[in-house]
Amino acid sequence: MDISRTMLIANIEHLAQILDSRPASTRVNAVMMMTSPKINGSNLWQLLQVLSIDADYKAGSERGRYLVVTERGAVELPASSLMASETIYTSA
């Protein structure tokens, strides 16, 4: 059964919580990210396309991380429940 949902996530920490708690069968179809001038390198807030989200897990490490790559750079988020590395999302 496919369930489609659009979500507006208020902060980057909430995104990490959602990624940590997602069922294995979850598919991400599109992601946009509102970025501050500090992140996007301009004088304005901008809506950027997310190019990929990867889960990075290293055996023996206490925590993994999510790497969110946008058109203008990358943001790392701490992950609390990773058991393996995987690509969660890649733009078409």
C-alpha atoms as a PDB file:
ATOM      1  CA  MET A   1       0.000   0.000   0.000  1.00  0.00           C
ATOM      2  CA  ASP A   2       1.397   3.394  -1.008  1.00  0.00           C
ATOM      3  CA  ILE A   3       0.760   6.368   1.215  1.00  0.00           C
ATOM      4  CA  SER A   4       1.781   9.760  -0.067  1.00  0.00           C
ATOM      5  CA  ARG A   5       2.514  12.575   2.350  1.00  0.00           C
ATOM      6  CA  THR A   6       3.909  16.067   2.083  1.00  0.00           C
ATOM      7  CA  MET A   7       5.640  17.323   5.206  1.00  0.00           C
ATOM      8  CA  LEU A   8       6.854  20.740   6.269  1.00  0.00           C
ATOM      9  CA  ILE A   9       9.635  20.212   8.783  1.00  0.00           C
ATOM     10  CA  ALA A  10      10.355  23.227  10.964  1.00  0.00           C
ATOM     11  CA  ASN A  11      13.979  22.517  11.860  1.00  0.00           C
ATOM     12  CA  ILE A  12      16.893  20.327  10.909  1.00  0.00           C
ATOM     13  CA  GLU A  13      16.820  18.397  14.201  1.00  0.00           C
ATOM     14  CA  HIS A  14      13.241  17.328  13.430  1.00  0.00           C
ATOM     15  CA  LEU A  15      14.406  15.980  10.063  1.00  0.00           C
ATOM     16  CA  ALA A  16      16.952  13.786  11.864  1.00  0.00           C
ATOM     17  CA  GLN A  17      14.206  12.498  14.205  1.00  0.00           C
ATOM     18  CA  ILE A  18      11.964  11.629  11.248  1.00  0.00           C
ATOM     19  CA  LEU A  19      14.802   9.846   9.443  1.00  0.00           C
ATOM     20  CA  ASP A  20      15.643   7.895  12.625  1.00  0.00           C
ATOM     21  CA  SER A  21      12.063   6.692  13.063  1.00  0.00           C
ATOM     22  CA  ARG A  22      11.125   5.891   9.457  1.00  0.00           C
ATOM     23  CA  PRO A  23      10.013   2.383   8.513  1.00  0.00           C
ATOM     24  CA  ALA A  24      12.401   0.485   6.232  1.00  0.00           C
ATOM     25  CA  SER A  25       9.834   0.595   3.419  1.00  0.00           C
ATOM     26  CA  THR A  26       9.735   4.421   3.355  1.00  0.00           C
ATOM     27  CA  ARG A  27      10.503   6.038  -0.006  1.00  0.00           C
ATOM     28  CA  VAL A  28      11.433   9.715  -0.273  1.00  0.00           C
ATOM     29  CA  ASN A  29      10.329  11.226  -3.584  1.00  0.00           C
ATOM     30  CA  ALA A  30      11.373  14.886  -3.328  1.00  0.00           C
ATOM     31  CA  VAL A  31      13.029  17.137  -0.766  1.00  0.00           C
ATOM     32  CA  MET A  32      13.431  20.909  -0.660  1.00  0.00           C
ATOM     33  CA  MET A  33      15.247  22.772   2.110  1.00  0.00           C
ATOM     34  CA  MET A  34      14.831  26.401   3.220  1.00  0.00           C
ATOM     35  CA  THR A  35      18.307  27.694   3.977  1.00  0.00           C
ATOM     36  CA  SER A  36      19.579  30.735   5.810  1.00  0.00           C
ATOM     37  CA  PRO A  37      22.059  33.190   4.269  1.00  0.00           C
ATOM     38  CA  LYS A  38      24.798  31.626   6.409  1.00  0.00           C
ATOM     39  CA  ILE A  39      24.261  28.232   4.728  1.00  0.00           C
ATOM     40  CA  ASN A  40      23.503  29.322   1.157  1.00  0.00           C
ATOM     41  CA  GLY A  41      26.120  32.079   0.879  1.00  0.00           C
ATOM     42  CA  SER A  42      23.718  34.846  -0.195  1.00  0.00           C
ATOM     43  CA  ASN A  43      21.976  37.725   1.583  1.00  0.00           C
ATOM     44  CA  LEU A  44      18.564  36.027   1.468  1.00  0.00           C
ATOM     45  CA  TRP A  45      16.801  32.917   2.689  1.00  0.00           C
ATOM     46  CA  GLN A  46      16.536  30.467  -0.236  1.00  0.00           C
ATOM     47  CA  LEU A  47      14.617  27.296  -1.018  1.00  0.00           C
ATOM     48  CA  LEU A  48      17.136  24.768  -2.347  1.00  0.00           C
ATOM     49  CA  GLN A  49      16.663  21.364  -3.894  1.00  0.00           C
ATOM     50  CA  VAL A  50      18.149  18.552  -1.840  1.00  0.00           C
ATOM     51  CA  LEU A  51      20.260  16.376  -4.135  1.00  0.00           C
ATOM     52  CA  SER A  52      20.759  13.458  -1.765  1.00  0.00           C
ATOM     53  CA  ILE A  53      20.358  12.173   1.777  1.00  0.00           C
ATOM     54  CA  ASP A  54      22.745   9.433   2.877  1.00  0.00           C
ATOM     55  CA  ALA A  55      22.937   7.513   6.130  1.00  0.00           C
ATOM     56  CA  ASP A  56      26.565   6.991   7.119  1.00  0.00           C
ATOM     57  CA  TYR A  57      27.252   4.266   9.687  1.00  0.00           C
ATOM     58  CA  LYS A  58      30.683   3.059  10.718  1.00  0.00           C
ATOM     59  CA  ALA A  59      30.992  -0.131  12.773  1.00  0.00           C
ATOM     60  CA  GLY A  60      32.272   0.569  16.261  1.00  0.00           C
ATOM     61  CA  SER A  61      31.197   4.212  16.230  1.00  0.00           C
ATOM     62  CA  GLU A  62      28.786   5.411  18.879  1.00  0.00           C
ATOM     63  CA  ARG A  63      26.564   7.236  16.395  1.00  0.00           C
ATOM     64  CA  GLY A  64      26.140   7.547  12.697  1.00  0.00           C
ATOM     65  CA  ARG A  65      25.213  10.615  10.697  1.00  0.00           C
ATOM     66  CA  TYR A  66      22.947  11.763   7.921  1.00  0.00           C
ATOM     67  CA  LEU A  67      24.556  13.745   5.134  1.00  0.00           C
ATOM     68  CA  VAL A  68      22.088  16.093   3.391  1.00  0.00           C
ATOM     69  CA  VAL A  69      23.538  17.493   0.143  1.00  0.00           C
ATOM     70  CA  THR A  70      21.957  20.556  -1.489  1.00  0.00           C
ATOM     71  CA  GLU A  71      22.804  22.603  -4.562  1.00  0.00           C
ATOM     72  CA  ARG A  72      24.994  24.846  -2.382  1.00  0.00           C
ATOM     73  CA  GLY A  73      26.714  22.409  -0.035  1.00  0.00           C
ATOM     74  CA  ALA A  74      26.106  19.778   2.606  1.00  0.00           C
ATOM     75  CA  VAL A  75      24.742  19.595   6.150  1.00  0.00           C
ATOM     76  CA  GLU A  76      25.576  16.786   8.607  1.00  0.00           C
ATOM     77  CA  LEU A  77      22.976  15.605  11.120  1.00  0.00           C
ATOM     78  CA  PRO A  78      23.661  13.229  14.009  1.00  0.00           C
ATOM     79  CA  ALA A  79      21.766   9.945  13.750  1.00  0.00           C
ATOM     80  CA  SER A  80      20.727   7.930  16.756  1.00  0.00           C
ATOM     81  CA  SER A  81      19.582   4.590  15.381  1.00  0.00           C
ATOM     82  CA  LEU A  82      21.600   3.674  12.307  1.00  0.00           C
ATOM     83  CA  MET A  83      22.614   0.073  11.790  1.00  0.00           C
ATOM     84  CA  ALA A  84      23.929   0.350   8.222  1.00  0.00           C
ATOM     85  CA  SER A  85      24.944   2.896   5.599  1.00  0.00           C
ATOM     86  CA  GLU A  86      22.434   3.554   2.845  1.00  0.00           C
ATOM     87  CA  THR A  87      21.235   6.141   0.362  1.00  0.00           C
ATOM     88  CA  ILE A  88      17.836   7.360   1.540  1.00  0.00           C
ATOM     89  CA  TYR A  89      17.179   9.812  -1.256  1.00  0.00           C
ATOM     90  CA  THR A  90      18.736  10.850  -4.564  1.00  0.00           C
ATOM     91  CA  SER A  91      17.119  13.426  -6.833  1.00  0.00           C
ATOM     92  CA  ALA A  92      16.237  12.238 -10.319  1.00  0.00           C
END
